[in-house]
């Protein structure tokens, strides 16, 4: 048995035993290092792990996570719901539209699918249940809407992709904006059709005075994404510095203007973020080792030869990649997939002339779909737990939303201009 086969067996054995993914990656890597054809010094393990996390751009991740946590704890999400409810709640399927609209704005603050799902699910699942929506439908529409978070900038997934490929974070952020907005529009269209067919309730139409009051009250919240994105696009700040500015903006809005963030709640959110980042950075470090071992075994060349052997057409290649990502996304989190498999695929991507931004958006979009698919979709599990429903009930309502996601993915795959037009316009490559 060759070493690469042994690595794969050990990896999937540990994964099947539900060993934490970081330990699984390190364990499989150690086996590969021990049985390598040419000796690999085990002392390189900590060095490679350090190199995996030693990227300045990765510093943005804890601040974006903290920004999302603070937004949830400071009344920011509730005010977004109030604004959206006042303006679009009266449309057929009103609260479903509110879910999508709130996630679009939340996307400019957290950059995390799970964070947005938790924030909006906490408020809107009970509200939709009280209004008469099936609770499974409430969970499923929020699951679809939460996908928008990592697409519309800022995005933690794009930061990880940039760390793995040395691509421009700013161009990746811009590349995800149109696909994210397109997904939001198609989800709202789907919600309207489903609501009309099932006669789901509408919210009472708000008066113009109520709309103005809710909008004025929510304007400081709407300014937070402007601060983050504006500082990046104007060149004032790097993504990491913009993340810090975003945290400060949430503190000012939630703590000073709304007075709903206390020193105690701030400390709790910092502690929560610290715990989250400990596990995330351990996975990043472990994935760096695993990817390095696979590279030493020639996995990149083997994968490239296999995929191009089936077809050298870029669209066919992307379709194969999407199928692989969908299968992996059903079992693994996005972090190890991006950090391990993207570097293996990148040489083939460049050889076929596929734009890195286009490939990055397709990668992130496809892996996000995995977060809502069985058997291990993290967002699916989170919302099923929040709604107290089974996976079966969730998917009974989820399938039209899932099809909407696939249609959007097909559009951005076939029409790369949807991902490249905005970055080429605002941040052209010199």
Protein backbone atom coordinates (compact mmCIF):
# COMPACT_ATOMS: atom_id res chain seq x y z
CA UNK A 1 0.00 0.00 0.00
CA UNK A 2 1.47 3.35 -1.02
CA UNK A 3 1.74 6.27 1.39
CA UNK A 4 -0.93 8.45 -0.25
CA UNK A 5 -3.53 5.68 -0.02
CA UNK A 6 -2.61 5.18 3.64
CA UNK A 7 -3.05 8.91 4.31
CA UNK A 8 -6.54 8.85 2.77
CA UNK A 9 -7.54 5.74 4.74
CA UNK A 10 -6.34 7.23 8.03
CA UNK A 11 -8.08 10.53 7.31
CA UNK A 12 -11.48 9.00 6.57
CA UNK A 13 -11.18 6.50 9.42
CA UNK A 14 -10.56 9.26 11.95
CA UNK A 15 -13.30 11.36 10.36
CA UNK A 16 -15.77 8.47 10.59
CA UNK A 17 -14.89 8.11 14.28
CA UNK A 18 -15.88 11.80 14.73
CA UNK A 19 -12.37 12.83 15.78
CA UNK A 20 -12.06 16.66 15.71
CA UNK A 21 -11.04 17.77 12.22
CA UNK A 22 -7.79 19.44 13.37
CA UNK A 23 -6.62 16.22 15.06
CA UNK A 24 -7.72 14.22 12.02
CA UNK A 25 -5.64 16.40 9.70
CA UNK A 26 -2.57 16.24 11.96
CA UNK A 27 -2.91 12.47 12.46
CA UNK A 28 -3.15 11.78 8.72
CA UNK A 29 -0.21 14.13 8.12
CA UNK A 30 1.97 12.33 10.67
CA UNK A 31 1.24 9.00 8.97
CA UNK A 32 2.22 10.53 5.65
CA UNK A 33 5.45 11.94 7.07
CA UNK A 34 6.43 8.62 8.65
CA UNK A 35 5.77 6.54 5.53
CA UNK A 36 7.04 9.06 2.97
CA UNK A 37 9.32 7.58 0.23
CA UNK A 38 11.99 10.13 1.17
CA UNK A 39 12.40 10.98 4.84
CA UNK A 40 10.46 13.99 6.16
CA UNK A 41 11.80 15.33 9.43
CA UNK A 42 9.03 15.46 12.04
CA UNK A 43 10.55 18.68 13.39
CA UNK A 44 9.09 20.45 10.33
CA UNK A 45 5.57 19.89 11.71
CA UNK A 46 5.45 22.88 14.08
CA UNK A 47 7.26 25.07 11.55
CA UNK A 48 4.71 24.28 8.84
CA UNK A 49 1.84 24.86 11.27
CA UNK A 50 3.25 28.28 12.14
CA UNK A 51 3.69 29.16 8.47
CA UNK A 52 0.04 28.22 7.88
CA UNK A 53 -1.25 30.86 10.29
CA UNK A 54 1.50 33.44 9.72
CA UNK A 55 -0.50 35.54 7.25
CA UNK A 56 -1.33 39.15 8.06
CA UNK A 57 -4.66 38.90 6.25
CA UNK A 58 -5.80 36.15 8.67
CA UNK A 59 -5.81 38.72 11.47
CA UNK A 60 -9.00 40.08 9.93
CA UNK A 61 -10.91 36.88 10.79
CA UNK A 62 -11.14 37.31 14.61
CA UNK A 63 -12.19 40.94 14.22
CA UNK A 64 -14.92 40.13 11.70
CA UNK A 65 -16.19 37.33 13.97
CA UNK A 66 -16.11 39.70 16.95
CA UNK A 67 -17.97 42.33 14.93
CA UNK A 68 -20.76 39.84 14.18
CA UNK A 69 -20.95 38.68 17.80
CA UNK A 70 -21.10 42.25 19.08
CA UNK A 71 -23.79 43.14 16.55
CA UNK A 72 -25.97 40.34 17.88
CA UNK A 73 -25.41 41.42 21.50
CA UNK A 74 -26.03 45.13 20.96
CA UNK A 75 -29.48 45.34 19.38
CA UNK A 76 -28.13 45.87 15.87
CA UNK A 77 -29.91 42.85 14.36
CA UNK A 78 -33.25 43.78 15.94
CA UNK A 79 -33.13 47.26 14.39
CA UNK A 80 -32.35 45.80 10.98
CA UNK A 81 -35.39 43.56 11.33
CA UNK A 82 -37.53 46.59 12.27
CA UNK A 83 -36.40 48.53 9.18
CA UNK A 84 -36.95 45.62 6.79
CA UNK A 85 -40.30 44.78 8.36
CA UNK A 86 -41.55 48.33 7.92
CA UNK A 87 -40.63 48.51 4.22
CA UNK A 88 -41.24 45.02 2.82
CA UNK A 89 -43.14 43.09 5.49
CA UNK A 90 -46.48 43.63 3.71
CA UNK A 91 -45.41 41.75 0.56
CA UNK A 92 -46.60 38.15 0.21
CA UNK A 93 -44.27 36.12 2.39
CA UNK A 94 -43.25 39.32 4.16
CA UNK A 95 -41.16 37.88 6.98
CA UNK A 96 -39.34 35.61 4.52
CA UNK A 97 -38.34 38.74 2.57
CA UNK A 98 -37.32 40.35 5.84
CA UNK A 99 -35.04 37.39 6.55
CA UNK A 100 -33.28 37.81 3.20
CA UNK A 101 -33.01 41.60 3.44
CA UNK A 102 -31.60 41.49 6.98
CA UNK A 103 -29.01 38.91 5.97
CA UNK A 104 -27.92 41.08 3.03
CA UNK A 105 -27.14 43.94 5.43
CA UNK A 106 -25.69 41.61 8.08
CA UNK A 107 -23.36 40.29 5.36
CA UNK A 108 -21.59 43.64 5.46
CA UNK A 109 -20.76 43.15 9.12
CA UNK A 110 -20.04 39.52 10.00
CA UNK A 111 -18.90 37.66 6.85
CA UNK A 112 -19.95 34.37 8.45
CA UNK A 113 -22.81 32.07 7.44
CA UNK A 114 -23.20 30.59 10.93
CA UNK A 115 -23.11 33.98 12.66
CA UNK A 116 -25.80 35.41 10.39
CA UNK A 117 -27.96 32.28 10.74
CA UNK A 118 -27.71 32.46 14.53
CA UNK A 119 -28.45 36.19 14.66
CA UNK A 120 -31.46 36.19 12.35
CA UNK A 121 -32.75 32.78 13.43
CA UNK A 122 -32.93 33.85 17.06
CA UNK A 123 -35.23 36.74 16.16
CA UNK A 124 -37.14 35.62 13.08
CA UNK A 125 -37.89 31.92 13.66
CA UNK A 126 -40.10 32.72 16.70
CA UNK A 127 -41.61 35.72 14.87
CA UNK A 128 -42.46 33.67 11.77
CA UNK A 129 -43.89 30.88 13.92
CA UNK A 130 -46.15 33.35 15.74
CA UNK A 131 -47.26 34.84 12.41
CA UNK A 132 -48.39 31.44 11.13
CA UNK A 133 -45.49 30.26 8.97
CA UNK A 134 -44.44 26.58 9.23
CA UNK A 135 -41.44 26.60 11.53
CA UNK A 136 -39.51 24.35 9.11
CA UNK A 137 -40.02 26.92 6.35
CA UNK A 138 -38.77 29.68 8.65
CA UNK A 139 -35.59 27.70 9.35
CA UNK A 140 -35.03 26.85 5.68
CA UNK A 141 -35.42 30.38 4.31
CA UNK A 142 -33.03 31.69 6.97
CA UNK A 143 -30.56 28.94 6.02
CA UNK A 144 -30.68 30.08 2.39
CA UNK A 145 -30.47 33.75 3.29
CA UNK A 146 -27.50 33.18 5.62
CA UNK A 147 -25.51 31.97 2.58
CA UNK A 148 -25.40 35.58 1.43
CA UNK A 149 -23.16 36.51 4.39
CA UNK A 150 -19.88 35.03 3.09
CA UNK A 151 -20.58 36.25 -0.47
CA UNK A 152 -21.27 39.94 0.03
CA UNK A 153 -18.14 41.57 1.48
CA UNK A 154 -16.55 41.29 3.94
CA UNK A 155 -16.16 37.52 3.91
CA UNK A 156 -14.14 35.22 6.15
CA UNK A 157 -14.21 32.50 3.47
CA UNK A 158 -12.66 34.86 0.91
CA UNK A 159 -9.95 35.81 3.40
CA UNK A 160 -9.08 32.12 3.80
CA UNK A 161 -9.06 31.69 0.01
CA UNK A 162 -6.73 34.69 -0.32
CA UNK A 163 -4.40 33.23 2.32
CA UNK A 164 -4.31 29.92 0.42
CA UNK A 165 -3.72 31.46 -3.02
CA UNK A 166 -2.16 34.91 -2.46
CA UNK A 167 -5.10 36.40 -4.38
CA UNK A 168 -6.27 39.97 -3.74
CA UNK A 169 -8.73 40.12 -0.85
CA UNK A 170 -10.27 43.32 -2.21
CA UNK A 171 -10.92 41.79 -5.64
CA UNK A 172 -12.41 38.68 -4.03
CA UNK A 173 -14.71 40.82 -1.88
CA UNK A 174 -15.94 42.67 -4.96
CA UNK A 175 -16.25 39.43 -6.92
CA UNK A 176 -18.77 38.05 -4.43
CA UNK A 177 -20.97 41.16 -4.30
CA UNK A 178 -23.04 40.59 -7.45
CA UNK A 179 -23.51 36.82 -6.88
CA UNK A 180 -24.59 37.57 -3.30
CA UNK A 181 -27.10 40.18 -4.45
CA UNK A 182 -28.32 37.87 -7.22
CA UNK A 183 -28.88 35.05 -4.73
CA UNK A 184 -30.81 37.45 -2.49
CA UNK A 185 -33.09 38.54 -5.35
CA UNK A 186 -33.77 34.95 -6.47
CA UNK A 187 -34.49 33.87 -2.88
CA UNK A 188 -37.00 36.71 -2.53
CA UNK A 189 -38.62 35.72 -5.84
CA UNK A 190 -38.81 32.12 -4.63
CA UNK A 191 -40.26 33.26 -1.30
CA UNK A 192 -42.93 35.30 -3.08
CA UNK A 193 -43.99 32.35 -5.28
CA UNK A 194 -44.08 29.92 -2.33
CA UNK A 195 -45.99 32.41 -0.16
CA UNK A 196 -48.63 33.00 -2.84
CA UNK A 197 -49.02 29.27 -3.46
CA UNK A 198 -49.32 28.37 0.24
CA UNK A 199 -51.15 31.54 1.27
CA UNK A 200 -48.54 32.49 3.85
CA UNK A 201 -49.40 35.60 5.93
CA UNK A 202 -48.36 39.17 5.24
CA UNK A 203 -47.41 41.79 7.79
CA UNK A 204 -49.68 44.83 8.17
CA UNK A 205 -48.52 47.60 5.86
CA UNK A 206 -46.59 50.20 7.85
CA UNK A 207 -47.45 53.88 7.53
CA UNK A 208 -44.91 56.26 6.07
CA UNK A 209 -44.34 57.69 9.54
CA UNK A 210 -43.50 54.23 10.92
CA UNK A 211 -41.15 53.61 8.00
CA UNK A 212 -39.35 56.89 8.54
CA UNK A 213 -38.99 56.31 12.29
CA UNK A 214 -37.63 52.78 11.89
CA UNK A 215 -35.24 53.90 9.15
CA UNK A 216 -33.90 56.82 11.18
CA UNK A 217 -33.44 54.52 14.17
CA UNK A 218 -31.61 52.01 11.97
CA UNK A 219 -29.39 54.44 10.03
CA UNK A 220 -26.40 54.04 12.38
CA UNK A 221 -26.56 50.27 11.77
CA UNK A 222 -26.67 50.75 8.01
CA UNK A 223 -23.56 52.92 8.28
CA UNK A 224 -21.44 50.06 9.70
CA UNK A 225 -21.04 48.17 6.37
CA UNK A 226 -20.28 51.49 4.68
CA UNK A 227 -17.43 52.09 7.13
CA UNK A 228 -15.98 48.62 6.55
CA UNK A 229 -16.32 48.42 2.77
CA UNK A 230 -15.66 52.09 2.13
CA UNK A 231 -12.35 51.99 3.99
CA UNK A 232 -11.22 48.99 1.92
CA UNK A 233 -12.35 50.25 -1.50
CA UNK A 234 -11.00 53.75 -0.92
CA UNK A 235 -7.59 52.37 0.02
CA UNK A 236 -7.72 53.92 3.49
CA UNK A 237 -7.43 50.55 5.23
CA UNK A 238 -6.44 46.97 4.57
CA UNK A 239 -9.10 44.28 5.20
CA UNK A 240 -7.56 43.63 8.63
CA UNK A 241 -7.62 47.32 9.54
CA UNK A 242 -11.16 47.61 8.16
CA UNK A 243 -12.24 44.75 10.44
CA UNK A 244 -10.90 46.68 13.44
CA UNK A 245 -12.78 49.79 12.27
CA UNK A 246 -15.93 47.66 12.01
CA UNK A 247 -15.56 46.47 15.60
CA UNK A 248 -15.13 50.06 16.76
CA UNK A 249 -18.19 51.12 14.74
CA UNK A 250 -20.35 48.40 16.36
CA UNK A 251 -19.10 49.45 19.81
CA UNK A 252 -20.02 53.07 19.10
CA UNK A 253 -23.44 52.20 17.67
CA UNK A 254 -24.38 49.48 20.16
CA UNK A 255 -22.70 50.88 23.24
CA UNK A 256 -22.92 54.66 22.91
CA UNK A 257 -25.93 55.28 20.65
CA UNK A 258 -28.27 52.40 21.52
CA UNK A 259 -26.78 51.78 24.99
CA UNK A 260 -27.53 48.06 24.76
CA UNK A 261 -23.92 46.86 24.97
CA UNK A 262 -22.52 46.76 28.47
CA UNK A 263 -18.91 46.12 29.52
CA UNK A 264 -20.03 42.69 30.77
CA UNK A 265 -21.67 41.73 27.45
CA UNK A 266 -18.62 43.03 25.55
CA UNK A 267 -16.33 40.85 27.68
CA UNK A 268 -18.54 37.80 27.09
CA UNK A 269 -18.43 38.29 23.32
CA UNK A 270 -14.65 38.76 23.34
CA UNK A 271 -14.31 35.49 25.28
CA UNK A 272 -16.65 33.71 22.83
CA UNK A 273 -14.66 35.00 19.87
CA UNK A 274 -11.38 33.94 21.49
CA UNK A 275 -12.67 30.39 21.97
CA UNK A 276 -13.92 30.26 18.39
CA UNK A 277 -10.62 31.54 16.99
CA UNK A 278 -8.63 29.00 18.98
CA UNK A 279 -10.34 26.17 17.13
CA UNK A 280 -10.32 27.97 13.76
CA UNK A 281 -6.61 28.74 13.81
CA UNK A 282 -5.78 25.22 14.96
CA UNK A 283 -7.68 23.91 11.91
CA UNK A 284 -5.84 26.39 9.66
CA UNK A 285 -2.46 25.25 11.03
CA UNK A 286 -3.37 21.56 10.70
CA UNK A 287 -4.67 22.08 7.15
CA UNK A 288 -1.35 23.72 6.20
CA UNK A 289 0.53 20.58 7.28
CA UNK A 290 -1.92 18.25 5.54
CA UNK A 291 -1.75 20.24 2.32
CA UNK A 292 2.05 20.27 2.46
CA UNK A 293 2.19 16.49 2.87
CA UNK A 294 -0.22 15.95 -0.02
CA UNK A 295 1.93 18.22 -2.19
CA UNK A 296 5.07 16.22 -1.33
CA UNK A 297 3.23 13.08 -2.43
CA UNK A 298 2.39 14.67 -5.80
CA UNK A 299 -1.33 14.87 -5.14
CA UNK A 300 -1.65 18.16 -7.05
CA UNK A 301 -0.17 16.69 -10.25
CA UNK A 302 -2.25 13.52 -9.93
CA UNK A 303 -5.46 15.48 -9.38
CA UNK A 304 -4.68 17.80 -12.30
CA UNK A 305 -3.95 14.91 -14.66
CA UNK A 306 -7.13 13.10 -13.65
CA UNK A 307 -9.38 16.14 -14.07
CA UNK A 308 -7.87 17.43 -17.32
CA UNK A 309 -7.89 13.87 -18.64
CA UNK A 310 -11.68 14.00 -18.57
CA UNK A 311 -11.86 17.37 -20.31
CA UNK A 312 -9.71 20.44 -20.87
CA UNK A 313 -12.75 22.68 -21.27
CA UNK A 314 -12.87 25.27 -18.44
CA UNK A 315 -16.65 24.96 -17.94
CA UNK A 316 -16.49 21.17 -17.75
CA UNK A 317 -13.56 21.45 -15.32
CA UNK A 318 -15.55 23.84 -13.12
CA UNK A 319 -18.55 21.49 -13.17
CA UNK A 320 -16.34 18.62 -12.00
CA UNK A 321 -14.90 20.84 -9.25
CA UNK A 322 -18.42 21.82 -8.17
CA UNK A 323 -19.44 18.16 -7.85
CA UNK A 324 -16.31 17.43 -5.78
CA UNK A 325 -16.96 20.47 -3.58
CA UNK A 326 -20.61 19.49 -3.07
CA UNK A 327 -19.54 16.01 -1.94
CA UNK A 328 -16.82 17.38 0.37
CA UNK A 329 -19.09 20.12 1.70
CA UNK A 330 -21.59 17.52 2.90
CA UNK A 331 -18.92 16.12 5.25
CA UNK A 332 -16.37 18.85 6.06
CA UNK A 333 -16.31 22.48 7.10
CA UNK A 334 -15.27 25.10 4.55
CA UNK A 335 -11.97 25.93 6.30
CA UNK A 336 -10.04 22.69 5.68
CA UNK A 337 -11.51 22.30 2.18
CA UNK A 338 -10.35 25.75 1.10
CA UNK A 339 -6.92 25.44 2.67
CA UNK A 340 -6.22 21.87 1.49
CA UNK A 341 -7.90 21.46 -1.89
CA UNK A 342 -7.73 24.95 -3.42
CA UNK A 343 -3.89 24.98 -3.55
CA UNK A 344 -4.01 21.53 -5.18
CA UNK A 345 -6.43 22.75 -7.87
CA UNK A 346 -4.88 26.18 -8.46
CA UNK A 347 -2.18 25.12 -10.97
CA UNK A 348 -4.86 23.58 -13.19
CA UNK A 349 -7.06 26.66 -12.77
CA UNK A 350 -4.24 28.89 -14.02
CA UNK A 351 -3.34 26.50 -16.84
CA UNK A 352 -6.94 26.58 -18.14
CA UNK A 353 -7.03 30.39 -17.98
CA UNK A 354 -9.76 30.55 -15.34
CA UNK A 355 -9.81 33.84 -13.43
CA UNK A 356 -8.79 33.38 -9.77
CA UNK A 357 -11.62 35.59 -8.57
CA UNK A 358 -14.16 33.61 -10.61
CA UNK A 359 -12.81 30.33 -9.24
CA UNK A 360 -12.76 31.75 -5.70
CA UNK A 361 -16.41 32.80 -5.82
CA UNK A 362 -17.45 29.42 -7.25
CA UNK A 363 -15.44 27.68 -4.52
CA UNK A 364 -16.99 29.66 -1.67
CA UNK A 365 -20.51 29.52 -3.11
CA UNK A 366 -20.41 25.74 -3.59
CA UNK A 367 -18.98 25.06 -0.15
CA UNK A 368 -21.68 27.24 1.42
CA UNK A 369 -24.29 24.96 -0.13
CA UNK A 370 -22.60 22.13 1.76
CA UNK A 371 -23.40 23.89 5.03
CA UNK A 372 -27.12 23.27 4.52
CA UNK A 373 -26.92 19.71 3.13
CA UNK A 374 -26.92 16.38 4.99
CA UNK A 375 -25.28 14.63 6.66
CA UNK A 376 -23.05 17.22 8.37
CA UNK A 377 -24.24 20.66 7.27
CA UNK A 378 -23.40 22.93 10.20
CA UNK A 379 -25.91 25.66 9.36
CA UNK A 380 -28.63 23.04 8.86
CA UNK A 381 -27.91 21.53 12.29
CA UNK A 382 -27.85 24.96 13.95
CA UNK A 383 -31.23 26.00 12.55
CA UNK A 384 -32.84 22.60 13.15
CA UNK A 385 -31.79 22.91 16.78
CA UNK A 386 -33.05 26.51 17.04
CA UNK A 387 -36.38 25.58 15.44
CA UNK A 388 -36.59 22.23 17.29
CA UNK A 389 -37.30 20.29 14.09
CA UNK A 390 -35.88 17.17 12.43
CA UNK A 391 -33.62 17.18 9.40
CA UNK A 392 -36.46 15.55 7.42
CA UNK A 393 -38.87 18.41 8.18
CA UNK A 394 -36.16 20.95 7.38
CA UNK A 395 -35.51 19.45 3.95
CA UNK A 396 -39.19 19.13 3.13
CA UNK A 397 -39.22 22.95 2.99
CA UNK A 398 -35.61 23.42 1.92
CA UNK A 399 -35.60 21.79 -1.51
CA UNK A 400 -36.96 24.79 -3.55
CA UNK A 401 -34.44 27.04 -1.78
CA UNK A 402 -31.71 24.52 -2.58
CA UNK A 403 -32.71 24.59 -6.25
CA UNK A 404 -32.54 28.39 -6.17
CA UNK A 405 -28.98 28.13 -4.89
CA UNK A 406 -28.04 25.72 -7.68
CA UNK A 407 -29.56 28.00 -10.34
CA UNK A 408 -27.54 30.93 -8.99
CA UNK A 409 -24.38 28.81 -8.94
CA UNK A 410 -25.00 27.73 -12.54
CA UNK A 411 -25.38 31.36 -13.63
CA UNK A 412 -22.12 32.52 -12.07
CA UNK A 413 -20.31 29.46 -13.46
CA UNK A 414 -21.46 29.99 -17.05
CA UNK A 415 -21.21 33.79 -16.92
CA UNK A 416 -17.88 34.67 -15.22
CA UNK A 417 -18.57 38.37 -15.82
CA UNK A 418 -20.95 38.22 -12.85
CA UNK A 419 -17.89 37.76 -10.64
CA UNK A 420 -15.18 39.65 -12.55
CA UNK A 421 -16.92 42.80 -13.81
CA UNK A 422 -17.01 44.68 -10.50
CA UNK A 423 -13.40 43.93 -9.40
CA UNK A 424 -12.12 44.77 -12.90
CA UNK A 425 -14.02 48.06 -12.74
CA UNK A 426 -13.05 49.18 -9.24
CA UNK A 427 -9.77 47.33 -8.57
CA UNK A 428 -8.23 46.47 -11.97
CA UNK A 429 -5.09 44.34 -12.00
CA UNK A 430 -2.07 46.47 -12.86
